[in-house]
Protein backbone atom coordinates (compact mmCIF):
# COMPACT_ATOMS: atom_id res chain seq x y z
CA MET A 1 6.72 1.87 -10.04
CA SER A 2 4.54 -1.23 -10.17
CA PHE A 3 5.12 -4.83 -9.21
CA ASP A 4 7.14 -6.58 -11.96
CA ILE A 5 6.07 -10.21 -12.24
CA SER A 6 8.38 -10.75 -15.24
CA ALA A 7 11.44 -10.28 -12.98
CA VAL A 8 10.08 -12.98 -10.66
CA VAL A 9 9.49 -15.36 -13.58
CA ASP A 10 13.00 -14.70 -14.99
CA ASP A 11 14.61 -15.47 -11.62
CA LEU A 12 12.66 -18.72 -11.24
CA SER A 13 13.47 -19.84 -14.78
CA ASN A 14 17.19 -19.29 -14.04
CA GLY A 15 16.92 -21.42 -10.88
CA LYS A 16 17.59 -18.38 -8.71
CA GLU A 17 15.59 -17.61 -5.60
CA TRP A 18 15.73 -14.97 -2.89
CA TYR A 19 17.27 -15.96 0.43
CA ALA A 20 17.57 -13.99 3.66
CA VAL A 21 21.12 -13.70 4.95
CA TYR A 22 21.74 -13.03 8.63
CA THR A 23 24.75 -10.75 9.14
CA LYS A 24 26.91 -9.65 12.03
CA SER A 25 25.31 -6.83 13.98
CA ARG A 26 25.72 -3.51 12.13
CA HIS A 27 27.57 -5.21 9.26
CA GLU A 28 24.73 -5.24 6.71
CA LYS A 29 26.35 -2.73 4.35
CA VAL A 30 29.78 -4.40 4.60
CA ALA A 31 28.24 -7.83 3.94
CA GLU A 32 26.34 -6.42 0.95
CA ILE A 33 29.51 -4.95 -0.56
CA ASN A 34 31.41 -8.21 -0.01
CA LEU A 35 28.57 -10.23 -1.58
CA LYS A 36 28.46 -7.91 -4.61
CA ASN A 37 32.23 -8.31 -4.99
CA ARG A 38 31.61 -12.06 -5.25
CA GLY A 39 29.08 -11.53 -8.06
CA VAL A 40 25.97 -12.08 -5.94
CA THR A 41 22.79 -10.09 -6.61
CA THR A 42 21.76 -8.41 -3.35
CA PHE A 43 18.98 -6.30 -1.93
CA LEU A 44 19.46 -4.30 1.26
CA PRO A 45 16.33 -2.26 2.03
CA LEU A 46 17.28 1.01 3.71
CA ARG A 47 15.33 3.82 5.33
CA GLU A 48 16.30 7.38 6.12
CA ILE A 49 16.40 8.55 9.71
CA VAL A 50 17.64 11.73 11.36
CA SER A 51 20.52 11.02 13.71
CA ARG A 52 20.93 13.63 16.43
CA TRP A 53 24.48 14.33 17.47
CA LYS A 54 25.74 16.86 20.03
CA ASP A 55 26.54 19.51 17.47
CA ARG A 56 24.18 18.69 14.57
CA ASN A 57 21.49 16.55 13.02
CA LYS A 58 22.36 14.31 10.11
CA THR A 59 20.17 12.23 7.80
CA ILE A 60 21.52 8.69 7.48
CA ASN A 61 20.40 5.45 5.82
CA VAL A 62 19.93 2.48 8.13
CA PRO A 63 18.76 -1.06 7.30
CA LEU A 64 15.00 -1.52 7.34
CA PHE A 65 15.50 -5.03 8.73
CA PRO A 66 18.57 -4.94 11.02
CA SER A 67 21.06 -7.80 10.46
CA TYR A 68 19.40 -8.99 7.22
CA VAL A 69 20.40 -8.76 3.57
CA PHE A 70 18.57 -10.53 0.75
CA VAL A 71 20.46 -12.41 -1.96
CA ASN A 72 19.26 -13.81 -5.27
CA VAL A 73 21.19 -17.00 -6.05
CA GLY A 74 20.73 -20.58 -7.12
CA LEU A 75 20.93 -23.26 -4.45
CA GLY A 76 24.30 -24.35 -5.87
CA ASP A 77 25.77 -20.90 -5.24
CA ILE A 78 24.80 -20.70 -1.55
CA HIS A 79 28.37 -21.60 -0.54
CA ARG A 80 29.59 -18.30 -2.08
CA VAL A 81 27.18 -16.49 0.21
CA MET A 82 27.86 -18.46 3.40
CA TYR A 83 31.61 -17.91 3.27
CA THR A 84 31.46 -14.15 2.74
CA LYS A 85 32.93 -11.80 5.32
CA GLY A 86 30.17 -10.27 7.46
CA VAL A 87 27.69 -13.11 6.81
CA LEU A 88 26.80 -15.37 9.73
CA LYS A 89 24.30 -17.68 8.04
CA VAL A 90 21.66 -18.11 5.39
CA VAL A 91 18.25 -18.28 7.09
CA GLY A 92 16.68 -21.70 6.88
CA CYS A 93 15.49 -24.75 8.75
CA ASN A 94 17.81 -27.42 10.18
CA GLY A 95 20.78 -26.04 8.26
CA THR A 96 18.95 -26.05 4.92
CA PRO A 97 18.44 -22.61 3.32
CA VAL A 98 14.78 -21.73 2.82
CA PRO A 99 13.89 -19.26 0.03
CA VAL A 100 11.89 -16.13 0.72
CA PRO A 101 8.85 -15.90 -1.57
CA ALA A 102 9.85 -13.65 -4.49
CA GLU A 103 6.57 -11.73 -4.23
CA GLN A 104 7.46 -10.59 -0.70
CA VAL A 105 10.91 -9.34 -1.72
CA GLU A 106 9.53 -7.62 -4.83
CA ALA A 107 6.83 -5.92 -2.74
CA ILE A 108 9.49 -4.51 -0.39
CA ARG A 109 11.61 -3.42 -3.39
CA THR A 110 8.60 -1.63 -4.88
CA LEU A 111 7.95 0.13 -1.56
CA VAL A 112 11.58 1.25 -1.19
CA GLN A 113 11.68 2.57 -4.77
CA SER A 114 8.34 4.38 -4.37
CA LYS A 115 9.82 7.13 -2.16
CA LEU A 116 6.80 6.88 0.17
CA LYS A 117 7.47 7.30 3.90
CA TYR A 118 7.63 3.85 5.51
CA ASP A 119 8.66 2.50 8.89
CA PRO A 120 9.38 -0.86 10.53
CA TYR A 121 6.27 -2.43 12.02
CA PRO A 122 5.78 -5.32 14.44
CA TYR A 123 5.48 -8.58 12.50
CA LEU A 124 1.94 -9.03 11.30
CA ASP A 125 0.44 -12.26 10.00
CA ARG A 126 -3.17 -11.26 10.57
CA GLY A 127 -5.36 -8.56 9.12
CA ARG A 128 -7.36 -8.11 5.99
CA GLU A 129 -5.44 -8.87 2.80
CA VAL A 130 -5.73 -6.20 0.12
CA LEU A 131 -4.38 -5.37 -3.32
CA ILE A 132 -3.18 -1.86 -4.12
CA LYS A 133 -4.94 -0.98 -7.38
CA SER A 134 -3.40 2.46 -8.05
CA GLY A 135 -0.53 4.67 -7.02
CA PRO A 136 3.17 3.91 -6.55
CA LEU A 137 2.45 0.52 -4.94
CA GLN A 138 0.07 -0.65 -7.67
CA GLY A 139 -0.09 -4.45 -7.87
CA VAL A 140 1.36 -5.06 -4.40
CA ILE A 141 -0.53 -7.35 -1.99
CA GLY A 142 -0.33 -6.82 1.77
CA ARG A 143 -2.44 -6.45 4.88
CA ILE A 144 -4.34 -3.42 6.09
CA MET A 145 -4.52 -2.14 9.66
CA GLU A 146 -6.70 0.72 10.78
CA LYS A 147 -5.41 3.04 13.49
CA ARG A 148 -7.67 5.91 14.44
CA SER A 149 -8.92 7.19 11.04
CA LYS A 150 -5.65 6.27 9.26
CA HIS A 151 -5.03 3.13 7.25
CA ARG A 152 -1.63 1.43 7.44
CA PHE A 153 -0.63 -0.95 4.66
CA VAL A 154 1.69 -3.63 6.07
CA LEU A 155 4.13 -5.79 4.08
CA SER A 156 5.72 -8.76 5.83
CA ILE A 157 8.63 -11.11 5.19
CA ASP A 158 7.30 -14.23 6.87
CA LEU A 159 10.59 -16.16 7.03
CA ILE A 160 12.35 -13.55 9.17
CA LYS A 161 9.18 -12.35 10.94
CA LYS A 162 9.67 -8.69 10.02
CA SER A 163 7.20 -6.14 8.66
CA VAL A 164 7.11 -2.61 7.30
CA SER A 165 4.17 -0.22 7.10
CA VAL A 166 3.15 2.75 5.00
CA GLU A 167 0.09 4.99 5.02
CA VAL A 168 -2.18 4.50 2.01
CA ASN A 169 -5.40 6.00 0.77
CA VAL A 170 -8.30 3.60 1.30
CA LEU A 171 -9.52 4.38 -2.24
CA ASP A 172 -6.29 2.95 -3.71
CA MET A 173 -6.94 -0.58 -2.45
CA GLU A 174 -9.40 -3.41 -2.89
CA PRO A 175 -9.97 -6.42 -0.63
CA LEU A 176 -8.95 -9.88 -1.82
């Protein structure tokens, strides 16, 4: 799956942008269902973890960014989002919603759909910027961190100060 710039262009031409929605704690899935019932396009990035219970282990899906859901709406439709059960607020500045760059959301969507193993990572706004030139993340731009002989590719959502990392082959990337 590669980065789809045509989806970004279509959204912008329709006046729709991605916004981060802050939800009640542990209500991300409920908020997403309620938003979808109101006709809102949503994106809730999930990751699989193994939950250990007394009598068994179970694989469950948990939000990659706790308390956040992304919505794709026009500015005029923000009221439908803000008054949805489970939603506390739309992330912004001084009460004004601020859109998340579409490239950042699309990069996270590409990562989630790639089936690569990824994990939350401390927010990163430094590091060498690279472009993935081949593989499941082809066309995605992010930052590279080197930890002991392994290279971690880090994608960040700047507005909410959250990041996610995945191991990549150094031959699949080129510096920008």
